């Protein structure tokens, strides 16, 4: 991997992959926390425990749009690099980057697709 473009392609691919996974994890965490809060309310737990869980839920909910924003930016950067470096089409890094972009599309905000 002596070509610096391949190195950059690998790095940008990793960023998109990580941010896509991170967004998915936060979305699952939001659902988990909502279920936990419902369970606490059903059990009649004290208000302090419920409020603390609601704070955790709010933090998770705030992270989803942040991840979407960062993912959209990284997605655009990697897409641009793919368009500009078509002579690398035969490299495994290029193929991996295209696959990661395709996988990440489902996690993009609707306006960025």
PDB file of N, CA and C in Angstrom:
ATOM      1  N   UNK A   1       0.846  -1.179   0.000  1.00  0.00           N
ATOM      2  CA  UNK A   1       0.000   0.000   0.000  1.00  0.00           C
ATOM      3  C   UNK A   1       0.890   1.240   0.000  1.00  0.00           C
ATOM      4  N   UNK A   2       1.752   1.341  -1.017  1.00  0.00           N
ATOM      5  CA  UNK A   2       2.677   2.461  -1.081  1.00  0.00           C
ATOM      6  C   UNK A   2       2.004   3.740  -1.567  1.00  0.00           C
ATOM      7  N   UNK A   3       0.906   3.617  -2.287  1.00  0.00           N
ATOM      8  CA  UNK A   3       0.192   4.783  -2.789  1.00  0.00           C
ATOM      9  C   UNK A   3      -0.535   5.472  -1.633  1.00  0.00           C
ATOM     10  N   UNK A   4      -0.246   6.750  -1.379  1.00  0.00           N
ATOM     11  CA  UNK A   4      -0.912   7.452  -0.269  1.00  0.00           C
ATOM     12  C   UNK A   4      -2.427   7.564  -0.479  1.00  0.00           C
ATOM     13  N   UNK A   5      -2.870   7.520  -1.722  1.00  0.00           N
ATOM     14  CA  UNK A   5      -4.308   7.577  -1.989  1.00  0.00           C
ATOM     15  C   UNK A   5      -5.012   6.334  -1.442  1.00  0.00           C
ATOM     16  N   UNK A   6      -4.349   5.188  -1.530  1.00  0.00           N
ATOM     17  CA  UNK A   6      -4.935   3.957  -0.990  1.00  0.00           C
ATOM     18  C   UNK A   6      -5.046   4.049   0.526  1.00  0.00           C
ATOM     19  N   UNK A   7      -4.047   4.634   1.144  1.00  0.00           N
ATOM     20  CA  UNK A   7      -4.078   4.805   2.599  1.00  0.00           C
ATOM     21  C   UNK A   7      -5.250   5.705   3.002  1.00  0.00           C
ATOM     22  N   UNK A   8      -5.418   6.824   2.299  1.00  0.00           N
ATOM     23  CA  UNK A   8      -6.519   7.738   2.587  1.00  0.00           C
ATOM     24  C   UNK A   8      -7.873   7.072   2.334  1.00  0.00           C
ATOM     25  N   UNK A   9      -7.930   6.274   1.285  1.00  0.00           N
ATOM     26  CA  UNK A   9      -9.160   5.554   0.967  1.00  0.00           C
ATOM     27  C   UNK A   9      -9.513   4.580   2.093  1.00  0.00           C
ATOM     28  N   UNK A  10      -8.512   3.890   2.604  1.00  0.00           N
ATOM     29  CA  UNK A  10      -8.716   2.947   3.705  1.00  0.00           C
ATOM     30  C   UNK A  10      -9.183   3.675   4.962  1.00  0.00           C
ATOM     31  N   UNK A  11      -8.563   4.806   5.264  1.00  0.00           N
ATOM     32  CA  UNK A  11      -8.929   5.585   6.456  1.00  0.00           C
ATOM     33  C   UNK A  11     -10.362   6.097   6.341  1.00  0.00           C
ATOM     34  N   UNK A  12     -10.696   6.703   5.215  1.00  0.00           N
ATOM     35  CA  UNK A  12     -12.043   7.257   5.027  1.00  0.00           C
ATOM     36  C   UNK A  12     -13.103   6.151   5.027  1.00  0.00           C
ATOM     37  N   UNK A  13     -12.759   4.996   4.491  1.00  0.00           N
ATOM     38  CA  UNK A  13     -13.679   3.859   4.510  1.00  0.00           C
ATOM     39  C   UNK A  13     -13.945   3.430   5.941  1.00  0.00           C
ATOM     40  N   UNK A  14     -12.892   3.372   6.753  1.00  0.00           N
ATOM     41  CA  UNK A  14     -13.035   3.001   8.159  1.00  0.00           C
ATOM     42  C   UNK A  14     -13.889   3.985   8.931  1.00  0.00           C
ATOM     43  N   UNK A  15     -13.749   5.261   8.621  1.00  0.00           N
ATOM     44  CA  UNK A  15     -14.532   6.296   9.308  1.00  0.00           C
ATOM     45  C   UNK A  15     -16.018   6.125   8.991  1.00  0.00           C
ATOM     46  N   UNK A  16     -16.337   5.937   7.727  1.00  0.00           N
ATOM     47  CA  UNK A  16     -17.747   5.766   7.342  1.00  0.00           C
ATOM     48  C   UNK A  16     -18.325   4.515   7.992  1.00  0.00           C
ATOM     49  N   UNK A  17     -17.544   3.454   7.975  1.00  0.00           N
ATOM     50  CA  UNK A  17     -18.001   2.181   8.567  1.00  0.00           C
ATOM     51  C   UNK A  17     -18.258   2.347  10.071  1.00  0.00           C
ATOM     52  N   UNK A  18     -17.336   3.006  10.758  1.00  0.00           N
ATOM     53  CA  UNK A  18     -17.463   3.205  12.207  1.00  0.00           C
ATOM     54  C   UNK A  18     -18.656   4.090  12.548  1.00  0.00           C
ATOM     55  N   UNK A  19     -18.819   5.189  11.827  1.00  0.00           N
ATOM     56  CA  UNK A  19     -19.925   6.102  12.111  1.00  0.00           C
ATOM     57  C   UNK A  19     -21.282   5.464  11.810  1.00  0.00           C
ATOM     58  N   UNK A  20     -21.323   4.658  10.786  1.00  0.00           N
ATOM     59  CA  UNK A  20     -22.567   3.958  10.459  1.00  0.00           C
ATOM     60  C   UNK A  20     -22.942   2.994  11.581  1.00  0.00           C
ATOM     61  N   UNK A  21     -21.949   2.281  12.061  1.00  0.00           N
ATOM     62  CA  UNK A  21     -22.180   1.336  13.161  1.00  0.00           C
ATOM     63  C   UNK A  21     -22.548   2.094  14.443  1.00  0.00           C
ATOM     64  N   UNK A  22     -21.866   3.186  14.697  1.00  0.00           N
ATOM     65  CA  UNK A  22     -22.124   3.990  15.897  1.00  0.00           C
ATOM     66  C   UNK A  22     -23.561   4.500  15.918  1.00  0.00           C
ATOM     67  N   UNK A  23     -24.053   4.969  14.781  1.00  0.00           N
ATOM     68  CA  UNK A  23     -25.427   5.470  14.694  1.00  0.00           C
ATOM     69  C   UNK A  23     -26.417   4.345  14.989  1.00  0.00           C
ATOM     70  N   UNK A  24     -26.158   3.177  14.448  1.00  0.00           N
ATOM     71  CA  UNK A  24     -27.030   2.025  14.688  1.00  0.00           C
ATOM     72  C   UNK A  24     -27.057   1.663  16.165  1.00  0.00           C
ATOM     73  N   UNK A  25     -25.906   1.688  16.804  1.00  0.00           N
ATOM     74  CA  UNK A  25     -25.816   1.363  18.225  1.00  0.00           C
ATOM     75  C   UNK A  25     -26.600   2.375  19.065  1.00  0.00           C
ATOM     76  N   UNK A  26     -26.464   3.664  18.756  1.00  0.00           N
ATOM     77  CA  UNK A  26     -27.218   4.676  19.505  1.00  0.00           C
ATOM     78  C   UNK A  26     -28.722   4.512  19.315  1.00  0.00           C
ATOM     79  N   UNK A  27     -29.142   4.176  18.109  1.00  0.00           N
ATOM     80  CA  UNK A  27     -30.576   3.959  17.878  1.00  0.00           C
ATOM     81  C   UNK A  27     -31.093   2.776  18.695  1.00  0.00           C
ATOM     82  N   UNK A  28     -30.307   1.717  18.768  1.00  0.00           N
ATOM     83  CA  UNK A  28     -30.700   0.562  19.586  1.00  0.00           C
ATOM     84  C   UNK A  28     -30.717   0.931  21.061  1.00  0.00           C
ATOM     85  N   UNK A  29     -29.761   1.758  21.476  1.00  0.00           N
ATOM     86  CA  UNK A  29     -29.694   2.186  22.874  1.00  0.00           C
ATOM     87  C   UNK A  29     -30.917   3.014  23.250  1.00  0.00           C
ATOM     88  N   UNK A  30     -31.397   3.840  22.330  1.00  0.00           N
ATOM     89  CA  UNK A  30     -32.598   4.640  22.587  1.00  0.00           C
ATOM     90  C   UNK A  30     -33.783   3.715  22.860  1.00  0.00           C
ATOM     91  N   UNK A  31     -33.941   2.698  22.041  1.00  0.00           N
ATOM     92  CA  UNK A  31     -35.045   1.745  22.221  1.00  0.00           C
ATOM     93  C   UNK A  31     -34.899   1.008  23.553  1.00  0.00           C
ATOM     94  N   UNK A  32     -33.682   0.591  23.864  1.00  0.00           N
ATOM     95  CA  UNK A  32     -33.427  -0.113  25.119  1.00  0.00           C
ATOM     96  C   UNK A  32     -33.768   0.762  26.318  1.00  0.00           C
ATOM     97  N   UNK A  33     -33.341   2.013  26.274  1.00  0.00           N
ATOM     98  CA  UNK A  33     -33.609   2.930  27.385  1.00  0.00           C
ATOM     99  C   UNK A  33     -35.105   3.219  27.519  1.00  0.00           C
ATOM    100  N   UNK A  34     -35.795   3.360  26.393  1.00  0.00           N
ATOM    101  CA  UNK A  34     -37.243   3.580  26.458  1.00  0.00           C
ATOM    102  C   UNK A  34     -37.928   2.388  27.120  1.00  0.00           C
ATOM    103  N   UNK A  35     -37.505   1.193  26.754  1.00  0.00           N
ATOM    104  CA  UNK A  35     -38.079  -0.011  27.367  1.00  0.00           C
ATOM    105  C   UNK A  35     -37.765  -0.078  28.862  1.00  0.00           C
ATOM    106  N   UNK A  36     -36.547   0.309  29.223  1.00  0.00           N
ATOM    107  CA  UNK A  36     -36.142   0.295  30.623  1.00  0.00           C
ATOM    108  C   UNK A  36     -36.984   1.279  31.437  1.00  0.00           C
ATOM    109  N   UNK A  37     -37.231   2.460  30.871  1.00  0.00           N
ATOM    110  CA  UNK A  37     -38.044   3.464  31.563  1.00  0.00           C
ATOM    111  C   UNK A  37     -39.468   2.961  31.739  1.00  0.00           C
ATOM    112  N   UNK A  38     -40.027   2.373  30.696  1.00  0.00           N
ATOM    113  CA  UNK A  38     -41.385   1.823  30.793  1.00  0.00           C
ATOM    114  C   UNK A  38     -41.456   0.749  31.878  1.00  0.00           C
ATOM    115  N   UNK A  39     -40.430  -0.072  31.935  1.00  0.00           N
ATOM    116  CA  UNK A  39     -40.379  -1.142  32.936  1.00  0.00           C
ATOM    117  C   UNK A  39     -40.308  -0.551  34.351  1.00  0.00           C
ATOM    118  N   UNK A  40     -39.469   0.476  34.524  1.00  0.00           N
ATOM    119  CA  UNK A  40     -39.349   1.124  35.831  1.00  0.00           C
ATOM    120  C   UNK A  40     -40.673   1.757  36.250  1.00  0.00           C
ATOM    121  N   UNK A  41     -41.351   2.397  35.308  1.00  0.00           N
ATOM    122  CA  UNK A  41     -42.639   3.022  35.620  1.00  0.00           C
ATOM    123  C   UNK A  41     -43.674   1.961  35.989  1.00  0.00           C
ATOM    124  N   UNK A  42     -43.659   0.843  35.269  1.00  0.00           N
ATOM    125  CA  UNK A  42     -44.618  -0.238  35.544  1.00  0.00           C
ATOM    126  C   UNK A  42     -44.368  -0.857  36.920  1.00  0.00           C
ATOM    127  N   UNK A  43     -43.086  -0.891  37.321  1.00  0.00           N
ATOM    128  CA  UNK A  43     -42.743  -1.461  38.625  1.00  0.00           C
ATOM    129  C   UNK A  43     -42.971  -0.462  39.751  1.00  0.00           C
ATOM    130  N   UNK A  44     -43.232   0.779  39.405  1.00  0.00           N
ATOM    131  CA  UNK A  44     -43.454   1.796  40.428  1.00  0.00           C
ATOM    132  C   UNK A  44     -42.167   2.227  41.107  1.00  0.00           C
ATOM    133  N   UNK A  45     -41.069   2.254  40.362  1.00  0.00           N
ATOM    134  CA  UNK A  45     -39.786   2.685  40.926  1.00  0.00           C
ATOM    135  C   UNK A  45     -39.849   4.144  41.355  1.00  0.00           C
ATOM    136  N   UNK A  46     -38.873   4.537  42.180  1.00  0.00           N
ATOM    137  CA  UNK A  46     -38.874   5.924  42.650  1.00  0.00           C
ATOM    138  C   UNK A  46     -38.562   6.895  41.509  1.00  0.00           C
ATOM    139  N   UNK A  47     -39.000   8.119  41.697  1.00  0.00           N
ATOM    140  CA  UNK A  47     -38.870   9.142  40.658  1.00  0.00           C
ATOM    141  C   UNK A  47     -37.425   9.434  40.288  1.00  0.00           C
ATOM    142  N   UNK A  48     -36.537   9.348  41.259  1.00  0.00           N
ATOM    143  CA  UNK A  48     -35.125   9.635  40.996  1.00  0.00           C
ATOM    144  C   UNK A  48     -34.552   8.651  39.979  1.00  0.00           C
ATOM    145  N   UNK A  49     -34.815   7.378  40.139  1.00  0.00           N
ATOM    146  CA  UNK A  49     -34.299   6.355  39.210  1.00  0.00           C
ATOM    147  C   UNK A  49     -34.882   6.569  37.816  1.00  0.00           C
ATOM    148  N   UNK A  50     -36.129   6.912  37.747  1.00  0.00           N
ATOM    149  CA  UNK A  50     -36.770   7.145  36.449  1.00  0.00           C
ATOM    150  C   UNK A  50     -36.174   8.374  35.772  1.00  0.00           C
ATOM    151  N   UNK A  51     -35.968   9.449  36.549  1.00  0.00           N
ATOM    152  CA  UNK A  51     -35.383  10.665  35.980  1.00  0.00           C
ATOM    153  C   UNK A  51     -33.971  10.408  35.460  1.00  0.00           C
ATOM    154  N   UNK A  52     -33.197   9.634  36.208  1.00  0.00           N
ATOM    155  CA  UNK A  52     -31.831   9.320  35.769  1.00  0.00           C
ATOM    156  C   UNK A  52     -31.852   8.554  34.451  1.00  0.00           C
ATOM    157  N   UNK A  53     -32.763   7.596  34.329  1.00  0.00           N
ATOM    158  CA  UNK A  53     -32.870   6.839  33.084  1.00  0.00           C
ATOM    159  C   UNK A  53     -33.343   7.730  31.940  1.00  0.00           C
ATOM    160  N   UNK A  54     -34.204   8.689  32.245  1.00  0.00           N
ATOM    161  CA  UNK A  54     -34.657   9.624  31.215  1.00  0.00           C
ATOM    162  C   UNK A  54     -33.510  10.516  30.745  1.00  0.00           C
ATOM    163  N   UNK A  55     -32.605  10.864  31.664  1.00  0.00           N
ATOM    164  CA  UNK A  55     -31.415  11.642  31.282  1.00  0.00           C
ATOM    165  C   UNK A  55     -30.541  10.830  30.335  1.00  0.00           C
ATOM    166  N   UNK A  56     -30.359   9.554  30.651  1.00  0.00           N
ATOM    167  CA  UNK A  56     -29.560   8.666  29.794  1.00  0.00           C
ATOM    168  C   UNK A  56     -30.222   8.567  28.415  1.00  0.00           C
ATOM    169  N   UNK A  57     -31.545   8.459  28.404  1.00  0.00           N
ATOM    170  CA  UNK A  57     -32.287   8.387  27.148  1.00  0.00           C
ATOM    171  C   UNK A  57     -32.080   9.664  26.330  1.00  0.00           C
ATOM    172  N   UNK A  58     -32.155  10.819  26.972  1.00  0.00           N
ATOM    173  CA  UNK A  58     -31.965  12.088  26.261  1.00  0.00           C
ATOM    174  C   UNK A  58     -30.574  12.190  25.647  1.00  0.00           C
ATOM    175  N   UNK A  59     -29.561  11.740  26.397  1.00  0.00           N
ATOM    176  CA  UNK A  59     -28.196  11.766  25.873  1.00  0.00           C
ATOM    177  C   UNK A  59     -28.081  10.889  24.633  1.00  0.00           C
ATOM    178  N   UNK A  60     -28.671   9.712  24.692  1.00  0.00           N
ATOM    179  CA  UNK A  60     -28.625   8.803  23.543  1.00  0.00           C
ATOM    180  C   UNK A  60     -29.364   9.398  22.352  1.00  0.00           C
ATOM    181  N   UNK A  61     -30.504  10.020  22.627  1.00  0.00           N
ATOM    182  CA  UNK A  61     -31.285  10.622  21.541  1.00  0.00           C
ATOM    183  C   UNK A  61     -30.541  11.788  20.894  1.00  0.00           C
ATOM    184  N   UNK A  62     -29.751  12.523  21.668  1.00  0.00           N
ATOM    185  CA  UNK A  62     -28.978  13.637  21.119  1.00  0.00           C
ATOM    186  C   UNK A  62     -27.825  13.136  20.252  1.00  0.00           C
ATOM    187  N   UNK A  63     -27.340  11.944  20.529  1.00  0.00           N
ATOM    188  CA  UNK A  63     -26.208  11.421  19.773  1.00  0.00           C
ATOM    189  C   UNK A  63     -26.604  10.955  18.371  1.00  0.00           C
ATOM    190  N   UNK A  64     -27.848  10.562  18.183  1.00  0.00           N
ATOM    191  CA  UNK A  64     -28.272  10.058  16.872  1.00  0.00           C
ATOM    192  C   UNK A  64     -28.124  11.128  15.782  1.00  0.00           C
ATOM    193  N   UNK A  65     -28.673  12.346  15.962  1.00  0.00           N
ATOM    194  CA  UNK A  65     -28.486  13.356  14.906  1.00  0.00           C
ATOM    195  C   UNK A  65     -27.017  13.760  14.729  1.00  0.00           C
ATOM    196  N   UNK A  66     -26.263  13.765  15.831  1.00  0.00           N
ATOM    197  CA  UNK A  66     -24.843  14.085  15.743  1.00  0.00           C
ATOM    198  C   UNK A  66     -24.124  13.048  14.878  1.00  0.00           C
ATOM    199  N   UNK A  67     -24.423  11.780  15.111  1.00  0.00           N
ATOM    200  CA  UNK A  67     -23.821  10.715  14.306  1.00  0.00           C
ATOM    201  C   UNK A  67     -24.253  10.834  12.852  1.00  0.00           C
ATOM    202  N   UNK A  68     -25.519  11.167  12.631  1.00  0.00           N
ATOM    203  CA  UNK A  68     -26.003  11.330  11.258  1.00  0.00           C
ATOM    204  C   UNK A  68     -25.250  12.448  10.542  1.00  0.00           C
ATOM    205  N   UNK A  69     -25.036  13.534  11.229  1.00  0.00           N
ATOM    206  CA  UNK A  69     -24.328  14.674  10.633  1.00  0.00           C
ATOM    207  C   UNK A  69     -22.895  14.295  10.270  1.00  0.00           C
ATOM    208  N   UNK A  70     -22.201  13.656  11.225  1.00  0.00           N
ATOM    209  CA  UNK A  70     -20.815  13.248  10.968  1.00  0.00           C
ATOM    210  C   UNK A  70     -20.749  12.185   9.884  1.00  0.00           C
ATOM    211  N   UNK A  71     -21.724  11.274   9.874  1.00  0.00           N
ATOM    212  CA  UNK A  71     -21.756  10.228   8.851  1.00  0.00           C
ATOM    213  C   UNK A  71     -21.990  10.836   7.473  1.00  0.00           C
ATOM    214  N   UNK A  72     -22.905  11.794   7.375  1.00  0.00           N
ATOM    215  CA  UNK A  72     -23.186  12.439   6.090  1.00  0.00           C
ATOM    216  C   UNK A  72     -21.930  13.120   5.547  1.00  0.00           C
ATOM    217  N   UNK A  73     -21.184  13.765   6.433  1.00  0.00           N
ATOM    218  CA  UNK A  73     -19.956  14.451   6.010  1.00  0.00           C
ATOM    219  C   UNK A  73     -18.910  13.442   5.541  1.00  0.00           C
ATOM    220  N   UNK A  74     -18.697  12.384   6.321  1.00  0.00           N
ATOM    221  CA  UNK A  74     -17.712  11.366   5.964  1.00  0.00           C
ATOM    222  C   UNK A  74     -18.134  10.633   4.691  1.00  0.00           C
ATOM    223  N   UNK A  75     -19.433  10.392   4.544  1.00  0.00           N
ATOM    224  CA  UNK A  75     -19.967   9.724   3.361  1.00  0.00           C
ATOM    225  C   UNK A  75     -19.673  10.559   2.111  1.00  0.00           C
ATOM    226  N   UNK A  76     -19.912  11.873   2.225  1.00  0.00           N
ATOM    227  CA  UNK A  76     -19.660  12.771   1.092  1.00  0.00           C
ATOM    228  C   UNK A  76     -18.173  12.803   0.730  1.00  0.00           C
ATOM    229  N   UNK A  77     -17.315  12.838   1.738  1.00  0.00           N
ATOM    230  CA  UNK A  77     -15.870  12.861   1.484  1.00  0.00           C
ATOM    231  C   UNK A  77     -15.427  11.586   0.784  1.00  0.00           C
ATOM    232  N   UNK A  78     -15.909  10.439   1.267  1.00  0.00           N
ATOM    233  CA  UNK A  78     -15.522   9.167   0.656  1.00  0.00           C
ATOM    234  C   UNK A  78     -16.102   9.054  -0.749  1.00  0.00           C
ATOM    235  N   UNK A  79     -17.321   9.509  -0.944  1.00  0.00           N
ATOM    236  CA  UNK A  79     -17.942   9.476  -2.283  1.00  0.00           C
ATOM    237  C   UNK A  79     -17.130  10.312  -3.270  1.00  0.00           C
ATOM    238  N   UNK A  80     -16.721  11.502  -2.828  1.00  0.00           N
ATOM    239  CA  UNK A  80     -15.915  12.368  -3.688  1.00  0.00           C
ATOM    240  C   UNK A  80     -14.589  11.702  -4.030  1.00  0.00           C
ATOM    241  N   UNK A  81     -13.979  11.089  -3.041  1.00  0.00           N
ATOM    242  CA  UNK A  81     -12.702  10.432  -3.286  1.00  0.00           C
ATOM    243  C   UNK A  81     -12.870   9.284  -4.281  1.00  0.00           C
ATOM    244  N   UNK A  82     -13.946   8.534  -4.147  1.00  0.00           N
ATOM    245  CA  UNK A  82     -14.212   7.426  -5.070  1.00  0.00           C
ATOM    246  C   UNK A  82     -14.354   7.962  -6.501  1.00  0.00           C
ATOM    247  N   UNK A  83     -15.067   9.073  -6.656  1.00  0.00           N
ATOM    248  CA  UNK A  83     -15.264   9.658  -7.992  1.00  0.00           C
ATOM    249  C   UNK A  83     -13.954  10.171  -8.580  1.00  0.00           C
ATOM    250  N   UNK A  84     -13.107  10.747  -7.718  1.00  0.00           N
ATOM    251  CA  UNK A  84     -11.868  11.348  -8.199  1.00  0.00           C
ATOM    252  C   UNK A  84     -10.738  10.352  -8.406  1.00  0.00           C
ATOM    253  N   UNK A  85     -10.844   9.177  -7.821  1.00  0.00           N
ATOM    254  CA  UNK A  85      -9.747   8.194  -7.886  1.00  0.00           C
ATOM    255  C   UNK A  85     -10.183   6.924  -8.612  1.00  0.00           C
ATOM    256  N   UNK A  86     -10.874   7.083  -9.737  1.00  0.00           N
ATOM    257  CA  UNK A  86     -11.390   5.913 -10.437  1.00  0.00           C
ATOM    258  C   UNK A  86     -10.292   5.013 -10.998  1.00  0.00           C
ATOM    259  N   UNK A  87      -9.083   5.536 -11.136  1.00  0.00           N
ATOM    260  CA  UNK A  87      -7.992   4.680 -11.639  1.00  0.00           C
ATOM    261  C   UNK A  87      -7.589   3.617 -10.616  1.00  0.00           C
ATOM    262  N   UNK A  88      -8.061   3.744  -9.378  1.00  0.00           N
ATOM    263  CA  UNK A  88      -7.787   2.749  -8.334  1.00  0.00           C
ATOM    264  C   UNK A  88      -8.864   1.658  -8.294  1.00  0.00           C
ATOM    265  N   UNK A  89      -9.752   1.657  -9.279  1.00  0.00           N
ATOM    266  CA  UNK A  89     -10.908   0.767  -9.292  1.00  0.00           C
ATOM    267  C   UNK A  89     -10.576  -0.700  -9.040  1.00  0.00           C
ATOM    268  N   UNK A  90      -9.409  -1.117  -9.467  1.00  0.00           N
ATOM    269  CA  UNK A  90      -9.019  -2.525  -9.343  1.00  0.00           C
ATOM    270  C   UNK A  90      -8.515  -2.886  -7.944  1.00  0.00           C
ATOM    271  N   UNK A  91      -8.247  -1.906  -7.128  1.00  0.00           N
ATOM    272  CA  UNK A  91      -7.675  -2.175  -5.801  1.00  0.00           C
ATOM    273  C   UNK A  91      -8.746  -2.686  -4.838  1.00  0.00           C
ATOM    274  N   UNK A  92      -8.336  -3.557  -3.906  1.00  0.00           N
ATOM    275  CA  UNK A  92      -9.297  -4.049  -2.908  1.00  0.00           C
ATOM    276  C   UNK A  92      -9.835  -2.929  -2.006  1.00  0.00           C
ATOM    277  N   UNK A  93      -9.030  -1.896  -1.788  1.00  0.00           N
ATOM    278  CA  UNK A  93      -9.470  -0.777  -0.955  1.00  0.00           C
ATOM    279  C   UNK A  93     -10.617  -0.026  -1.623  1.00  0.00           C
ATOM    280  N   UNK A  94     -10.539   0.136  -2.932  1.00  0.00           N
ATOM    281  CA  UNK A  94     -11.596   0.823  -3.680  1.00  0.00           C
ATOM    282  C   UNK A  94     -12.887   0.008  -3.616  1.00  0.00           C
ATOM    283  N   UNK A  95     -12.769  -1.294  -3.840  1.00  0.00           N
ATOM    284  CA  UNK A  95     -13.934  -2.180  -3.800  1.00  0.00           C
ATOM    285  C   UNK A  95     -14.573  -2.150  -2.408  1.00  0.00           C
ATOM    286  N   UNK A  96     -13.735  -2.187  -1.363  1.00  0.00           N
ATOM    287  CA  UNK A  96     -14.246  -2.139   0.010  1.00  0.00           C
ATOM    288  C   UNK A  96     -14.941  -0.810   0.276  1.00  0.00           C
ATOM    289  N   UNK A  97     -14.381   0.276  -0.230  1.00  0.00           N
ATOM    290  CA  UNK A  97     -14.970   1.598  -0.026  1.00  0.00           C
ATOM    291  C   UNK A  97     -16.354   1.685  -0.673  1.00  0.00           C
ATOM    292  N   UNK A  98     -16.472   1.154  -1.872  1.00  0.00           N
ATOM    293  CA  UNK A  98     -17.768   1.167  -2.562  1.00  0.00           C
ATOM    294  C   UNK A  98     -18.797   0.354  -1.772  1.00  0.00           C
ATOM    295  N   UNK A  99     -18.374  -0.799  -1.249  1.00  0.00           N
ATOM    296  CA  UNK A  99     -19.281  -1.649  -0.466  1.00  0.00           C
ATOM    297  C   UNK A  99     -19.715  -0.945   0.818  1.00  0.00           C
ATOM    298  N   UNK A 100     -18.801  -0.280   1.492  1.00  0.00           N
ATOM    299  CA  UNK A 100     -19.128   0.434   2.733  1.00  0.00           C
ATOM    300  C   UNK A 100     -20.077   1.590   2.445  1.00  0.00           C
ATOM    301  N   UNK A 101     -19.867   2.291   1.348  1.00  0.00           N
ATOM    302  CA  UNK A 101     -20.778   3.376   0.978  1.00  0.00           C
ATOM    303  C   UNK A 101     -22.187   2.842   0.755  1.00  0.00           C
ATOM    304  N   UNK A 102     -22.285   1.715   0.087  1.00  0.00           N
ATOM    305  CA  UNK A 102     -23.596   1.123  -0.179  1.00  0.00           C
ATOM    306  C   UNK A 102     -24.278   0.722   1.129  1.00  0.00           C
ATOM    307  N   UNK A 103     -23.515   0.110   2.039  1.00  0.00           N
ATOM    308  CA  UNK A 103     -24.062  -0.303   3.335  1.00  0.00           C
ATOM    309  C   UNK A 103     -24.477   0.897   4.189  1.00  0.00           C
ATOM    310  N   UNK A 104     -23.733   1.980   4.088  1.00  0.00           N
ATOM    311  CA  UNK A 104     -23.980   3.150   4.936  1.00  0.00           C
ATOM    312  C   UNK A 104     -25.176   3.976   4.475  1.00  0.00           C
ATOM    313  N   UNK A 105     -25.632   3.783   3.249  1.00  0.00           N
ATOM    314  CA  UNK A 105     -26.748   4.588   2.726  1.00  0.00           C
ATOM    315  C   UNK A 105     -27.989   4.516   3.608  1.00  0.00           C
ATOM    316  N   UNK A 106     -28.257   3.360   4.200  1.00  0.00           N
ATOM    317  CA  UNK A 106     -29.461   3.216   5.026  1.00  0.00           C
ATOM    318  C   UNK A 106     -29.376   4.063   6.290  1.00  0.00           C
ATOM    319  N   UNK A 107     -28.184   4.418   6.729  1.00  0.00           N
ATOM    320  CA  UNK A 107     -28.010   5.194   7.950  1.00  0.00           C
ATOM    321  C   UNK A 107     -27.910   6.695   7.715  1.00  0.00           C
ATOM    322  N   UNK A 108     -27.960   7.109   6.464  1.00  0.00           N
ATOM    323  CA  UNK A 108     -27.872   8.539   6.161  1.00  0.00           C
ATOM    324  C   UNK A 108     -29.207   9.212   6.410  1.00  0.00           C
ATOM    325  N   UNK A 109     -29.160  10.502   6.773  1.00  0.00           N
ATOM    326  CA  UNK A 109     -30.423  11.239   6.847  1.00  0.00           C
ATOM    327  C   UNK A 109     -31.018  11.311   5.438  1.00  0.00           C
ATOM    328  N   UNK A 110     -32.317  11.350   5.332  1.00  0.00           N
ATOM    329  CA  UNK A 110     -32.985  11.302   4.028  1.00  0.00           C
ATOM    330  C   UNK A 110     -32.535  12.392   3.068  1.00  0.00           C
ATOM    331  N   UNK A 111     -32.206  13.557   3.559  1.00  0.00           N
ATOM    332  CA  UNK A 111     -31.816  14.659   2.678  1.00  0.00           C
ATOM    333  C   UNK A 111     -30.457  14.442   2.035  1.00  0.00           C
ATOM    334  N   UNK A 112     -29.609  13.604   2.635  1.00  0.00           N
ATOM    335  CA  UNK A 112     -28.254  13.417   2.110  1.00  0.00           C
ATOM    336  C   UNK A 112     -28.178  12.342   1.049  1.00  0.00           C
ATOM    337  N   UNK A 113     -29.221  11.542   0.885  1.00  0.00           N
ATOM    338  CA  UNK A 113     -29.161  10.442  -0.077  1.00  0.00           C
ATOM    339  C   UNK A 113     -29.348  10.926  -1.428  1.00  0.00           C
TER     340      UNK A 113
END
